[in-house]
C-alpha atoms as a PDB file:
ATOM      1  CA  MET A   1       9.972   5.927 -15.194  1.00  0.00           C
ATOM      2  CA  LYS A   2      12.607   6.860 -12.640  1.00  0.00           C
ATOM      3  CA  ILE A   3      12.722   7.983  -9.029  1.00  0.00           C
ATOM      4  CA  GLY A   4      16.086   9.554  -8.444  1.00  0.00           C
ATOM      5  CA  PRO A   5      18.653   7.133  -9.883  1.00  0.00           C
ATOM      6  CA  TYR A   6      16.266   4.179  -9.897  1.00  0.00           C
ATOM      7  CA  ARG A   7      14.582   3.095 -13.116  1.00  0.00           C
ATOM      8  CA  LEU A   8      11.458   1.160 -12.215  1.00  0.00           C
ATOM      9  CA  SER A   9      10.534  -2.006 -14.080  1.00  0.00           C
ATOM     10  CA  SER A  10       6.867  -0.994 -14.337  1.00  0.00           C
ATOM     11  CA  PRO A  11       4.604   1.994 -13.588  1.00  0.00           C
ATOM     12  CA  VAL A  12       2.715  -0.020 -10.972  1.00  0.00           C
ATOM     13  CA  TYR A  13       3.221   0.742  -7.276  1.00  0.00           C
ATOM     14  CA  VAL A  14       1.928  -1.192  -4.301  1.00  0.00           C
ATOM     15  CA  ALA A  15       0.597   1.270  -1.728  1.00  0.00           C
ATOM     16  CA  PRO A  16       1.871   1.105   1.845  1.00  0.00           C
ATOM     17  CA  MET A  17      -0.900  -0.443   3.938  1.00  0.00           C
ATOM     18  CA  ALA A  18      -0.623  -0.989   7.684  1.00  0.00           C
ATOM     19  CA  GLY A  19      -0.979  -4.640   8.605  1.00  0.00           C
ATOM     20  CA  VAL A  20      -0.783  -5.673   4.952  1.00  0.00           C
ATOM     21  CA  THR A  21       2.356  -4.750   3.020  1.00  0.00           C
ATOM     22  CA  ASP A  22       4.847  -6.704   5.078  1.00  0.00           C
ATOM     23  CA  ALA A  23       7.856  -8.536   3.652  1.00  0.00           C
ATOM     24  CA  PRO A  24       5.951 -11.615   2.356  1.00  0.00           C
ATOM     25  CA  PHE A  25       3.279  -9.452   0.709  1.00  0.00           C
ATOM     26  CA  ARG A  26       5.894  -7.231  -0.948  1.00  0.00           C
ATOM     27  CA  LYS A  27       7.811 -10.258  -2.157  1.00  0.00           C
ATOM     28  CA  ILE A  28       4.827 -11.628  -4.066  1.00  0.00           C
ATOM     29  CA  ALA A  29       3.940  -8.185  -5.426  1.00  0.00           C
ATOM     30  CA  ARG A  30       7.434  -7.731  -6.822  1.00  0.00           C
ATOM     31  CA  GLU A  31       7.403 -11.252  -8.268  1.00  0.00           C
ATOM     32  CA  PHE A  32       4.242 -10.227 -10.113  1.00  0.00           C
ATOM     33  CA  GLY A  33       6.014  -7.210 -11.593  1.00  0.00           C
ATOM     34  CA  ALA A  34       5.298  -4.256  -9.295  1.00  0.00           C
ATOM     35  CA  GLY A  35       7.846  -1.546 -10.033  1.00  0.00           C
ATOM     36  CA  LEU A  36       7.888  -0.364  -6.435  1.00  0.00           C
ATOM     37  CA  ALA A  37       6.553  -1.706  -3.156  1.00  0.00           C
ATOM     38  CA  CYS A  38       6.580   0.242   0.080  1.00  0.00           C
ATOM     39  CA  THR A  39       6.767  -0.965   3.654  1.00  0.00           C
ATOM     40  CA  GLU A  40       4.007  -0.507   6.150  1.00  0.00           C
ATOM     41  CA  MET A  41       3.946   2.941   7.726  1.00  0.00           C
ATOM     42  CA  ILE A  42       6.513   3.323  10.514  1.00  0.00           C
ATOM     43  CA  SER A  43       6.163   5.873  13.303  1.00  0.00           C
ATOM     44  CA  SER A  44       9.277   8.058  13.363  1.00  0.00           C
ATOM     45  CA  GLU A  45       8.882   8.570  17.109  1.00  0.00           C
ATOM     46  CA  ALA A  46       8.738   4.821  17.765  1.00  0.00           C
ATOM     47  CA  LEU A  47      11.709   4.152  15.512  1.00  0.00           C
ATOM     48  CA  VAL A  48      13.917   6.791  17.132  1.00  0.00           C
ATOM     49  CA  ARG A  49      12.970   5.464  20.567  1.00  0.00           C
ATOM     50  CA  GLY A  50      14.095   1.986  19.547  1.00  0.00           C
ATOM     51  CA  HIS A  51      10.690   0.312  19.467  1.00  0.00           C
ATOM     52  CA  ARG A  52      11.299  -3.322  18.543  1.00  0.00           C
ATOM     53  CA  GLU A  53       8.358  -3.690  16.156  1.00  0.00           C
ATOM     54  CA  SER A  54       9.455  -0.586  14.231  1.00  0.00           C
ATOM     55  CA  PHE A  55      12.731  -2.277  13.383  1.00  0.00           C
ATOM     56  CA  ARG A  56      10.831  -5.365  12.221  1.00  0.00           C
ATOM     57  CA  LEU A  57       8.774  -3.190   9.892  1.00  0.00           C
ATOM     58  CA  MET A  58      12.047  -1.861   8.483  1.00  0.00           C
ATOM     59  CA  ASP A  59      13.412  -5.346   7.710  1.00  0.00           C
ATOM     60  CA  LEU A  60      14.284  -5.320   3.998  1.00  0.00           C
ATOM     61  CA  GLY A  61      16.017  -8.680   3.721  1.00  0.00           C
ATOM     62  CA  TRP A  62      13.359 -10.190   1.449  1.00  0.00           C
ATOM     63  CA  ASP A  63      12.915  -7.180  -0.837  1.00  0.00           C
ATOM     64  CA  ASP A  64      13.797  -6.714  -4.468  1.00  0.00           C
ATOM     65  CA  ARG A  65      15.347  -3.350  -5.234  1.00  0.00           C
ATOM     66  CA  PRO A  66      14.524  -0.561  -5.174  1.00  0.00           C
ATOM     67  CA  VAL A  67      12.465  -0.638  -1.984  1.00  0.00           C
ATOM     68  CA  SER A  68      10.770   2.274  -0.244  1.00  0.00           C
ATOM     69  CA  VAL A  69      10.306   2.711   3.505  1.00  0.00           C
ATOM     70  CA  GLN A  70       7.456   4.941   4.669  1.00  0.00           C
ATOM     71  CA  LEU A  71       7.761   7.158   7.731  1.00  0.00           C
ATOM     72  CA  MET A  72       5.054   9.018   9.619  1.00  0.00           C
ATOM     73  CA  GLY A  73       5.446  11.975  11.954  1.00  0.00           C
ATOM     74  CA  GLY A  74       5.040  15.710  12.375  1.00  0.00           C
ATOM     75  CA  ASP A  75       8.285  16.625  14.141  1.00  0.00           C
ATOM     76  CA  ALA A  76      10.889  17.651  11.579  1.00  0.00           C
ATOM     77  CA  ASN A  77      13.883  16.777  13.752  1.00  0.00           C
ATOM     78  CA  VAL A  78      12.553  13.359  14.686  1.00  0.00           C
ATOM     79  CA  MET A  79      11.613  12.621  11.086  1.00  0.00           C
ATOM     80  CA  ALA A  80      15.127  13.562   9.963  1.00  0.00           C
ATOM     81  CA  GLU A  81      16.688  11.213  12.516  1.00  0.00           C
ATOM     82  CA  ALA A  82      14.320   8.404  11.552  1.00  0.00           C
ATOM     83  CA  ALA A  83      15.140   8.954   7.884  1.00  0.00           C
ATOM     84  CA  ARG A  84      18.842   8.569   8.629  1.00  0.00           C
ATOM     85  CA  MET A  85      18.086   5.298  10.404  1.00  0.00           C
ATOM     86  CA  VAL A  86      16.044   4.103   7.431  1.00  0.00           C
ATOM     87  CA  ALA A  87      18.846   4.948   5.014  1.00  0.00           C
ATOM     88  CA  ASP A  88      21.389   3.184   7.238  1.00  0.00           C
ATOM     89  CA  ALA A  89      19.138   0.109   7.213  1.00  0.00           C
ATOM     90  CA  GLY A  90      19.456  -0.088   3.437  1.00  0.00           C
ATOM     91  CA  ALA A  91      16.340   1.649   2.126  1.00  0.00           C
ATOM     92  CA  ASP A  92      16.570   2.973  -1.421  1.00  0.00           C
ATOM     93  CA  ILE A  93      13.778   5.532  -1.014  1.00  0.00           C
ATOM     94  CA  VAL A  94      12.202   7.279   1.988  1.00  0.00           C
ATOM     95  CA  ASP A  95       8.494   7.998   1.675  1.00  0.00           C
ATOM     96  CA  ILE A  96       6.732  10.487   3.955  1.00  0.00           C
ATOM     97  CA  ASN A  97       3.123   9.758   4.874  1.00  0.00           C
ATOM     98  CA  MET A  98       1.000  12.898   4.644  1.00  0.00           C
ATOM     99  CA  GLY A  99      -2.217  11.097   3.804  1.00  0.00           C
ATOM    100  CA  CYS A 100      -3.178   8.586   6.488  1.00  0.00           C
ATOM    101  CA  PRO A 101      -6.678   9.501   7.774  1.00  0.00           C
ATOM    102  CA  VAL A 102      -6.707   7.265  10.859  1.00  0.00           C
ATOM    103  CA  PRO A 103      -7.465   9.269  14.040  1.00  0.00           C
ATOM    104  CA  LYS A 104      -4.641   7.767  16.111  1.00  0.00           C
ATOM    105  CA  VAL A 105      -2.168   8.926  13.441  1.00  0.00           C
ATOM    106  CA  VAL A 106      -3.751  12.329  12.920  1.00  0.00           C
ATOM    107  CA  LYS A 107      -3.668  13.172  16.629  1.00  0.00           C
ATOM    108  CA  THR A 108       0.134  12.782  16.616  1.00  0.00           C
ATOM    109  CA  SER A 109       0.423  15.548  13.957  1.00  0.00           C
ATOM    110  CA  GLY A 110       1.358  12.936  11.378  1.00  0.00           C
ATOM    111  CA  GLY A 111      -0.403  11.587   8.302  1.00  0.00           C
ATOM    112  CA  SER A 112      -3.113  13.768   6.815  1.00  0.00           C
ATOM    113  CA  SER A 113      -2.982  16.231   9.717  1.00  0.00           C
ATOM    114  CA  LEU A 114      -0.027  17.784   7.890  1.00  0.00           C
ATOM    115  CA  LEU A 115      -2.416  18.807   5.106  1.00  0.00           C
ATOM    116  CA  ARG A 116      -3.858  21.377   7.528  1.00  0.00           C
ATOM    117  CA  ASP A 117      -0.431  22.954   8.017  1.00  0.00           C
ATOM    118  CA  PRO A 118       1.507  23.242   4.737  1.00  0.00           C
ATOM    119  CA  ASP A 119       4.318  25.167   6.456  1.00  0.00           C
ATOM    120  CA  ARG A 120       4.890  22.346   8.894  1.00  0.00           C
ATOM    121  CA  ALA A 121       4.577  19.755   6.124  1.00  0.00           C
ATOM    122  CA  CYS A 122       7.296  21.524   4.162  1.00  0.00           C
ATOM    123  CA  ARG A 123       9.548  21.754   7.211  1.00  0.00           C
ATOM    124  CA  VAL A 124       9.211  18.000   7.650  1.00  0.00           C
ATOM    125  CA  ALA A 125       9.938  17.309   3.973  1.00  0.00           C
ATOM    126  CA  THR A 126      12.921  19.697   3.931  1.00  0.00           C
ATOM    127  CA  ALA A 127      14.397  18.107   7.051  1.00  0.00           C
ATOM    128  CA  VAL A 128      14.132  14.609   5.601  1.00  0.00           C
ATOM    129  CA  VAL A 129      15.548  15.635   2.216  1.00  0.00           C
ATOM    130  CA  GLU A 130      18.525  17.298   3.899  1.00  0.00           C
ATOM    131  CA  ALA A 131      19.097  14.339   6.248  1.00  0.00           C
ATOM    132  CA  VAL A 132      19.631  11.631   3.628  1.00  0.00           C
ATOM    133  CA  SER A 133      21.284  11.158   0.260  1.00  0.00           C
ATOM    134  CA  ILE A 134      18.624   8.759  -1.050  1.00  0.00           C
ATOM    135  CA  PRO A 135      15.465   9.993  -2.835  1.00  0.00           C
ATOM    136  CA  VAL A 136      12.557  11.232  -0.742  1.00  0.00           C
ATOM    137  CA  THR A 137       8.942  10.910  -1.861  1.00  0.00           C
ATOM    138  CA  VAL A 138       5.655  11.999  -0.287  1.00  0.00           C
ATOM    139  CA  LYS A 139       2.112  10.619  -0.321  1.00  0.00           C
ATOM    140  CA  ILE A 140      -0.738  13.116   0.104  1.00  0.00           C
ATOM    141  CA  ARG A 141      -4.502  13.372  -0.142  1.00  0.00           C
ATOM    142  CA  LEU A 142      -6.431  16.218  -1.765  1.00  0.00           C
ATOM    143  CA  GLY A 143      -6.731  18.110   1.501  1.00  0.00           C
ATOM    144  CA  TRP A 144      -8.175  17.854   4.986  1.00  0.00           C
ATOM    145  CA  ASP A 145     -11.791  18.331   3.888  1.00  0.00           C
ATOM    146  CA  PHE A 146     -13.725  19.651   0.911  1.00  0.00           C
ATOM    147  CA  ALA A 147     -13.415  23.249   2.124  1.00  0.00           C
ATOM    148  CA  SER A 148      -9.626  22.989   2.232  1.00  0.00           C
ATOM    149  CA  ARG A 149      -8.648  21.025  -0.858  1.00  0.00           C
ATOM    150  CA  ASN A 150      -5.116  22.416  -1.032  1.00  0.00           C
ATOM    151  CA  TYR A 151      -3.552  19.671  -3.127  1.00  0.00           C
ATOM    152  CA  LEU A 152      -2.009  22.036  -5.692  1.00  0.00           C
ATOM    153  CA  GLU A 153      -0.406  24.180  -3.006  1.00  0.00           C
ATOM    154  CA  MET A 154       0.862  21.078  -1.220  1.00  0.00           C
ATOM    155  CA  ALA A 155       2.227  19.513  -4.394  1.00  0.00           C
ATOM    156  CA  THR A 156       4.090  22.572  -5.662  1.00  0.00           C
ATOM    157  CA  ARG A 157       5.472  23.532  -2.268  1.00  0.00           C
ATOM    158  CA  LEU A 158       6.596  19.984  -1.537  1.00  0.00           C
ATOM    159  CA  GLU A 159       8.307  19.774  -4.907  1.00  0.00           C
ATOM    160  CA  ALA A 160      10.276  22.901  -3.973  1.00  0.00           C
ATOM    161  CA  THR A 161      11.658  21.122  -0.885  1.00  0.00           C
ATOM    162  CA  GLY A 162      13.566  18.705  -3.119  1.00  0.00           C
ATOM    163  CA  ILE A 163      11.409  15.596  -2.978  1.00  0.00           C
ATOM    164  CA  GLN A 164      11.732  13.370  -6.042  1.00  0.00           C
ATOM    165  CA  GLY A 165       8.288  11.817  -6.287  1.00  0.00           C
ATOM    166  CA  LEU A 166       4.701  12.300  -5.218  1.00  0.00           C
ATOM    167  CA  ALA A 167       1.743   9.953  -4.769  1.00  0.00           C
ATOM    168  CA  VAL A 168      -1.739  11.423  -4.655  1.00  0.00           C
ATOM    169  CA  HIS A 169      -4.818   9.681  -3.278  1.00  0.00           C
ATOM    170  CA  GLY A 170      -7.859  11.277  -4.870  1.00  0.00           C
ATOM    171  CA  ARG A 171      -9.842  11.985  -1.705  1.00  0.00           C
ATOM    172  CA  THR A 172      -9.691  14.357   1.240  1.00  0.00           C
ATOM    173  CA  ARG A 173      -9.042  13.132   4.748  1.00  0.00           C
ATOM    174  CA  SER A 174     -12.687  13.646   5.731  1.00  0.00           C
ATOM    175  CA  GLN A 175     -13.833  11.432   2.851  1.00  0.00           C
ATOM    176  CA  ARG A 176     -11.749   8.501   4.066  1.00  0.00           C
ATOM    177  CA  TYR A 177     -12.582   6.025   1.257  1.00  0.00           C
ATOM    178  CA  ASP A 178     -15.939   7.352   0.004  1.00  0.00           C
ATOM    179  CA  PRO A 179     -17.167   8.572  -2.411  1.00  0.00           C
ATOM    180  CA  TRP A 180     -15.245   7.947  -5.616  1.00  0.00           C
ATOM    181  CA  ALA A 181     -11.698   9.237  -5.947  1.00  0.00           C
ATOM    182  CA  ASP A 182     -11.273  12.491  -7.892  1.00  0.00           C
ATOM    183  CA  TRP A 183      -8.854  11.678 -10.690  1.00  0.00           C
ATOM    184  CA  ARG A 184      -9.330  15.092 -12.300  1.00  0.00           C
ATOM    185  CA  ALA A 185      -7.649  16.595  -9.262  1.00  0.00           C
ATOM    186  CA  ILE A 186      -4.840  14.052  -9.561  1.00  0.00           C
ATOM    187  CA  ALA A 187      -4.416  15.130 -13.190  1.00  0.00           C
ATOM    188  CA  GLU A 188      -4.124  18.750 -12.045  1.00  0.00           C
ATOM    189  CA  VAL A 189      -1.295  17.773  -9.710  1.00  0.00           C
ATOM    190  CA  LYS A 190       0.498  15.977 -12.523  1.00  0.00           C
ATOM    191  CA  ALA A 191       0.233  19.066 -14.717  1.00  0.00           C
ATOM    192  CA  ALA A 192       1.492  21.354 -11.942  1.00  0.00           C
ATOM    193  CA  VAL A 193       4.755  19.586 -11.041  1.00  0.00           C
ATOM    194  CA  SER A 194       7.730  18.164 -12.889  1.00  0.00           C
ATOM    195  CA  ILE A 195       8.532  15.268 -10.552  1.00  0.00           C
ATOM    196  CA  PRO A 196       6.990  11.805 -11.092  1.00  0.00           C
ATOM    197  CA  VAL A 197       3.408  11.484  -9.863  1.00  0.00           C
ATOM    198  CA  ALA A 198       1.566   8.293  -8.964  1.00  0.00           C
ATOM    199  CA  GLY A 199      -2.226   8.283  -8.758  1.00  0.00           C
ATOM    200  CA  SER A 200      -4.240   6.264  -6.264  1.00  0.00           C
ATOM    201  CA  GLY A 201      -7.896   5.527  -5.683  1.00  0.00           C
ATOM    202  CA  ASP A 202     -10.505   3.023  -6.899  1.00  0.00           C
ATOM    203  CA  LEU A 203      -8.208   0.932  -9.078  1.00  0.00           C
ATOM    204  CA  ARG A 204      -9.839  -2.488  -8.997  1.00  0.00           C
ATOM    205  CA  THR A 205      -9.241  -3.778 -12.528  1.00  0.00           C
ATOM    206  CA  PRO A 206      -6.366  -3.505 -15.018  1.00  0.00           C
ATOM    207  CA  SER A 207      -8.578  -1.605 -17.449  1.00  0.00           C
ATOM    208  CA  GLU A 208      -9.464   0.969 -14.783  1.00  0.00           C
ATOM    209  CA  ALA A 209      -5.764   1.457 -14.044  1.00  0.00           C
ATOM    210  CA  LEU A 210      -4.952   1.937 -17.727  1.00  0.00           C
ATOM    211  CA  GLN A 211      -7.849   4.338 -18.280  1.00  0.00           C
ATOM    212  CA  ARG A 212      -6.949   6.443 -15.236  1.00  0.00           C
ATOM    213  CA  LYS A 213      -3.293   6.569 -16.213  1.00  0.00           C
ATOM    214  CA  LEU A 214      -4.074   7.690 -19.743  1.00  0.00           C
ATOM    215  CA  GLU A 215      -6.684  10.256 -18.716  1.00  0.00           C
ATOM    216  CA  SER A 216      -4.676  11.819 -15.908  1.00  0.00           C
ATOM    217  CA  GLY A 217      -1.207  11.586 -17.427  1.00  0.00           C
ATOM    218  CA  VAL A 218       0.292  10.234 -14.209  1.00  0.00           C
ATOM    219  CA  ASP A 219       3.593   8.421 -14.390  1.00  0.00           C
ATOM    220  CA  ALA A 220       2.396   5.466 -12.324  1.00  0.00           C
ATOM    221  CA  VAL A 221      -0.665   3.973 -10.676  1.00  0.00           C
ATOM    222  CA  MET A 222      -0.698   2.909  -7.042  1.00  0.00           C
ATOM    223  CA  LEU A 223      -2.728  -0.193  -6.189  1.00  0.00           C
ATOM    224  CA  GLY A 224      -4.171  -0.374  -2.693  1.00  0.00           C
ATOM    225  CA  ARG A 225      -7.400  -1.920  -1.426  1.00  0.00           C
ATOM    226  CA  GLY A 226      -8.046  -3.535  -4.810  1.00  0.00           C
ATOM    227  CA  ILE A 227      -5.276  -6.058  -4.205  1.00  0.00           C
ATOM    228  CA  LEU A 228      -6.554  -7.272  -0.833  1.00  0.00           C
ATOM    229  CA  GLY A 229      -7.204 -10.919  -1.588  1.00  0.00           C
ATOM    230  CA  ASN A 230      -6.303 -10.340  -5.219  1.00  0.00           C
ATOM    231  CA  LEU A 231      -2.546  -9.938  -5.568  1.00  0.00           C
ATOM    232  CA  TRP A 232      -2.927 -11.302  -9.094  1.00  0.00           C
ATOM    233  CA  LEU A 233      -4.239  -7.835 -10.003  1.00  0.00           C
ATOM    234  CA  VAL A 234      -0.632  -6.645  -9.797  1.00  0.00           C
ATOM    235  CA  ARG A 235       0.415  -9.105 -12.506  1.00  0.00           C
ATOM    236  CA  GLN A 236      -2.579  -8.246 -14.663  1.00  0.00           C
ATOM    237  CA  THR A 237      -2.023  -4.489 -14.372  1.00  0.00           C
ATOM    238  CA  VAL A 238       1.690  -4.726 -15.104  1.00  0.00           C
ATOM    239  CA  ALA A 239       1.002  -6.836 -18.209  1.00  0.00           C
ATOM    240  CA  LEU A 240      -1.565  -4.364 -19.544  1.00  0.00           C
ATOM    241  CA  LEU A 241       0.444  -1.216 -18.814  1.00  0.00           C
ATOM    242  CA  ASN A 242       3.854  -2.565 -19.817  1.00  0.00           C
ATOM    243  CA  GLU A 243       3.053  -4.861 -22.723  1.00  0.00           C
ATOM    244  CA  GLY A 244      -0.547  -4.113 -23.637  1.00  0.00           C
ATOM    245  CA  GLU A 245      -1.429  -7.728 -22.836  1.00  0.00           C
ATOM    246  CA  THR A 246      -4.557  -8.979 -21.109  1.00  0.00           C
ATOM    247  CA  VAL A 247      -3.950 -11.637 -18.460  1.00  0.00           C
ATOM    248  CA  ALA A 248      -6.953 -13.710 -17.438  1.00  0.00           C
ATOM    249  CA  ASP A 249      -8.260 -13.941 -13.895  1.00  0.00           C
ATOM    250  CA  LEU A 250      -7.043 -16.927 -11.917  1.00  0.00           C
ATOM    251  CA  GLY A 251      -9.157 -20.049 -11.851  1.00  0.00           C
ATOM    252  CA  TRP A 252     -10.317 -21.272  -8.467  1.00  0.00           C
ATOM    253  CA  ALA A 253      -7.552 -23.832  -7.965  1.00  0.00           C
ATOM    254  CA  ASP A 254      -4.926 -21.288  -8.954  1.00  0.00           C
ATOM    255  CA  GLN A 255      -6.405 -18.700  -6.584  1.00  0.00           C
ATOM    256  CA  VAL A 256      -6.215 -21.179  -3.719  1.00  0.00           C
ATOM    257  CA  ALA A 257      -2.634 -21.965  -4.745  1.00  0.00           C
ATOM    258  CA  LEU A 258      -1.781 -18.256  -4.544  1.00  0.00           C
ATOM    259  CA  VAL A 259      -3.263 -18.102  -1.051  1.00  0.00           C
ATOM    260  CA  ARG A 260      -1.159 -21.147  -0.180  1.00  0.00           C
ATOM    261  CA  ARG A 261       1.986 -19.452  -1.522  1.00  0.00           C
ATOM    262  CA  HIS A 262       1.269 -16.406   0.641  1.00  0.00           C
ATOM    263  CA  CYS A 263       0.634 -18.602   3.680  1.00  0.00           C
ATOM    264  CA  ASP A 264       3.918 -20.454   3.226  1.00  0.00           C
ATOM    265  CA  LEU A 265       5.849 -17.178   3.048  1.00  0.00           C
ATOM    266  CA  VAL A 266       4.136 -15.680   6.097  1.00  0.00           C
ATOM    267  CA  VAL A 267       4.760 -18.781   8.210  1.00  0.00           C
ATOM    268  CA  ALA A 268       8.391 -18.892   7.070  1.00  0.00           C
ATOM    269  CA  TYR A 269       8.871 -15.212   7.922  1.00  0.00           C
ATOM    270  CA  TYR A 270       7.063 -14.962  11.272  1.00  0.00           C
ATOM    271  CA  GLY A 271       7.154 -18.550  12.472  1.00  0.00           C
ATOM    272  CA  PRO A 272       4.236 -21.009  12.715  1.00  0.00           C
ATOM    273  CA  GLU A 273       2.405 -19.499  15.693  1.00  0.00           C
ATOM    274  CA  ARG A 274       2.443 -15.779  14.912  1.00  0.00           C
ATOM    275  CA  GLY A 275       2.343 -16.339  11.171  1.00  0.00           C
ATOM    276  CA  SER A 276      -0.770 -18.523  11.354  1.00  0.00           C
ATOM    277  CA  ARG A 277      -2.669 -15.927  13.389  1.00  0.00           C
ATOM    278  CA  LEU A 278      -1.658 -13.104  11.071  1.00  0.00           C
ATOM    279  CA  LEU A 279      -2.925 -15.091   8.088  1.00  0.00           C
ATOM    280  CA  ARG A 280      -6.580 -15.132   9.174  1.00  0.00           C
ATOM    281  CA  LYS A 281      -7.532 -11.954   7.326  1.00  0.00           C
ATOM    282  CA  PHE A 282      -5.402 -12.794   4.286  1.00  0.00           C
ATOM    283  CA  ILE A 283      -6.986 -16.222   3.895  1.00  0.00           C
ATOM    284  CA  ALA A 284     -10.483 -14.755   4.214  1.00  0.00           C
ATOM    285  CA  TRP A 285      -9.692 -12.042   1.663  1.00  0.00           C
ATOM    286  CA  GLY A 286      -8.107 -14.539  -0.717  1.00  0.00           C
ATOM    287  CA  LEU A 287     -11.088 -16.908  -0.617  1.00  0.00           C
ATOM    288  CA  HIS A 288     -13.838 -14.314  -0.844  1.00  0.00           C
ATOM    289  CA  GLY A 289     -16.025 -13.718  -3.843  1.00  0.00           C
ATOM    290  CA  PHE A 290     -18.015 -16.945  -3.929  1.00  0.00           C
ATOM    291  CA  ARG A 291     -21.009 -18.150  -1.946  1.00  0.00           C
ATOM    292  CA  GLY A 292     -19.341 -21.313  -0.764  1.00  0.00           C
ATOM    293  CA  ALA A 293     -16.863 -19.281   1.284  1.00  0.00           C
ATOM    294  CA  ALA A 294     -19.444 -18.407   3.937  1.00  0.00           C
ATOM    295  CA  ARG A 295     -19.104 -21.728   5.737  1.00  0.00           C
ATOM    296  CA  LEU A 296     -15.317 -21.369   5.878  1.00  0.00           C
ATOM    297  CA  ARG A 297     -15.394 -18.104   7.828  1.00  0.00           C
ATOM    298  CA  SER A 298     -15.615 -19.698  11.253  1.00  0.00           C
ATOM    299  CA  MET A 299     -12.703 -21.975  10.349  1.00  0.00           C
ATOM    300  CA  VAL A 300     -10.629 -18.999   9.226  1.00  0.00           C
ATOM    301  CA  GLN A 301     -11.286 -17.114  12.458  1.00  0.00           C
ATOM    302  CA  SER A 302      -9.834 -19.974  14.517  1.00  0.00           C
ATOM    303  CA  VAL A 303      -6.689 -20.558  12.434  1.00  0.00           C
ATOM    304  CA  SER A 304      -3.704 -20.717  14.794  1.00  0.00           C
ATOM    305  CA  THR A 305      -1.395 -23.407  13.371  1.00  0.00           C
ATOM    306  CA  PRO A 306      -0.099 -24.534   9.956  1.00  0.00           C
ATOM    307  CA  ASP A 307      -2.375 -27.587  10.265  1.00  0.00           C
ATOM    308  CA  ASP A 308      -5.355 -25.241  10.540  1.00  0.00           C
ATOM    309  CA  ILE A 309      -4.212 -23.518   7.349  1.00  0.00           C
ATOM    310  CA  ASP A 310      -3.992 -26.882   5.568  1.00  0.00           C
ATOM    311  CA  ARG A 311      -7.493 -27.788   6.724  1.00  0.00           C
ATOM    312  CA  VAL A 312      -9.061 -24.525   5.527  1.00  0.00           C
ATOM    313  CA  LEU A 313      -7.367 -24.595   2.133  1.00  0.00           C
ATOM    314  CA  GLY A 314      -8.223 -28.276   1.715  1.00  0.00           C
ATOM    315  CA  GLU A 315     -11.867 -27.474   2.377  1.00  0.00           C
ATOM    316  CA  ALA A 316     -11.678 -24.607  -0.097  1.00  0.00           C
ATOM    317  CA  LEU A 317     -10.448 -26.875  -2.871  1.00  0.00           C
ATOM    318  CA  ALA A 318     -13.194 -29.368  -2.143  1.00  0.00           C
ATOM    319  CA  ILE A 319     -16.115 -26.997  -2.670  1.00  0.00           C
ATOM    320  CA  ASP A 320     -17.784 -25.568  -5.735  1.00  0.00           C
ATOM    321  CA  PRO A 321     -16.858 -21.849  -5.775  1.00  0.00           C
ATOM    322  CA  GLY A 322     -20.225 -20.919  -7.259  1.00  0.00           C
ATOM    323  CA  ALA A 323     -21.218 -17.406  -8.286  1.00  0.00           C
ATOM    324  CA  ARG A 324     -19.520 -14.303  -6.936  1.00  0.00           C
ATOM    325  CA  ILE A 325     -21.244 -12.739  -3.942  1.00  0.00           C
ATOM    326  CA  PRO A 326     -22.462  -9.109  -3.868  1.00  0.00           C
ATOM    327  CA  GLU A 327     -19.869  -6.430  -3.193  1.00  0.00           C
ATOM    328  CA  GLY A 328     -21.478  -5.470   0.130  1.00  0.00           C
ATOM    329  CA  GLU A 329     -21.019  -8.980   1.452  1.00  0.00           C
ATOM    330  CA  LEU A 330     -17.401  -8.926   0.366  1.00  0.00           C
ATOM    331  CA  ALA A 331     -16.798  -5.774   2.369  1.00  0.00           C
ATOM    332  CA  GLU A 332     -18.495  -7.331   5.384  1.00  0.00           C
ATOM    333  CA  THR A 333     -16.288 -10.409   5.095  1.00  0.00           C
ATOM    334  CA  ALA A 334     -13.122  -8.312   4.978  1.00  0.00           C
ATOM    335  CA  ALA A 335     -14.251  -6.141   7.882  1.00  0.00           C
ATOM    336  CA  SER A 336     -15.023  -9.121  10.120  1.00  0.00           C
ATOM    337  CA  CYS A 337     -11.652 -10.665   9.397  1.00  0.00           C
ATOM    338  CA  GLU A 338      -9.858  -7.344  10.011  1.00  0.00           C
ATOM    339  CA  ALA A 339     -11.446  -7.162  13.452  1.00  0.00           C
ATOM    340  CA  ALA A 340      -9.954 -10.541  14.288  1.00  0.00           C
END
């Protein structure tokens, strides 16, 4: 499939996730075959004002091409200026976030708040399209709430602004991440527009991704929460969708080695002090899924140096991984680490 002039190597996207899809994460995802990886969401207001962290989020020095940079905001003029800055920084694609449900984003008229105002959403998209020569894409949800599921109106009107790709998460803003994503609605969007469409929501195994792609007719699948602690899912999904091949899950030693690879990249990118702290949640996610991990949680929470990382991963290799723990406990583990 193509977005603008770019032919993607696979129909597997990595969703932009705040605090997750930084340069090291994207690097591994692309090594595993992802056709497109997007930066973390960047506030257009912060970028235009010269906020230092916004420029760090826009650092593309480690990325394979093409690479997409996602912007958030509800002011058309500011979004246009931010898009020009993104293009000047070397982005291949600008993505507009019209789906983030987080209150602090919504209250700024960005993210999924734009679903309540299609006119404003189209003004933003038009301004960005006219501001840059690179392709512009948009990510949406199905609507603000169940009573206002306006995904078909949003999709067709956004296409008319000149965007060259659309990603659809199969929930409304009010649903956040429950209940199950509505892939029939995603299929309706695909049938209603001529631009490439990526579908997102509840893709936790390669077979689920293949089934959803075939049933909905989407051009690509977008992996999100399913790859937290399981970046190998990218490789497995690419193999199944591109070559029809089944790639086995990683054994325990290989899973720990993948966590180690991620740790090495994060420390190299951010430095030993900041990198080690940022790795706490990633280590916990990467080691979840077995009962022996419970006693490592306190160690993970106190990781602050590369030596601490070595100690935790050494302990992990020394234990019997045992049986996988219930899904509820996995969610609790991830939530506790996120809070850290």
